[in-house]
């Protein structure tokens, strides 16, 4: 667990460096974060410590900040991202806010992504095209 002060690349990079220092015995890492940038920062920290891409599996969320990562000639530890649907998730969010404002129905405290598409180096362009994002 590496608590991030911020969920951008620098915040995640710094938090991950602390975690890597605290656990030098760990040789294989699974990295997850609340967005692609948080995972990318952590992946960069593992690279800085000399960990190979084969020793890291990073999975982000949103599918927006990882395109350049997938275009790199050699794979990195950033394996994939959960691509959200702007139509589905945007609609659901809008309806929750509308019902809250109009009818006083407060949204649930926790909402979970129940439908997302895992995008990787192999399928990201195809999946983005399906959603009209590329």
Foldseek 3Di string as FASTA:
>chain_A
DFDFPDQALVRLLVSLLVVCVVCVVQQAEEAEDAAPRSQNSNQVNVVVVVRFLVRAAYEGEALDPCPVQLVDPDHTVDFWYFHDQCVVVVVVVVVQVCCCVPVVDHDDPDDDDPDTDTDGSVCSVVVCVVRVND
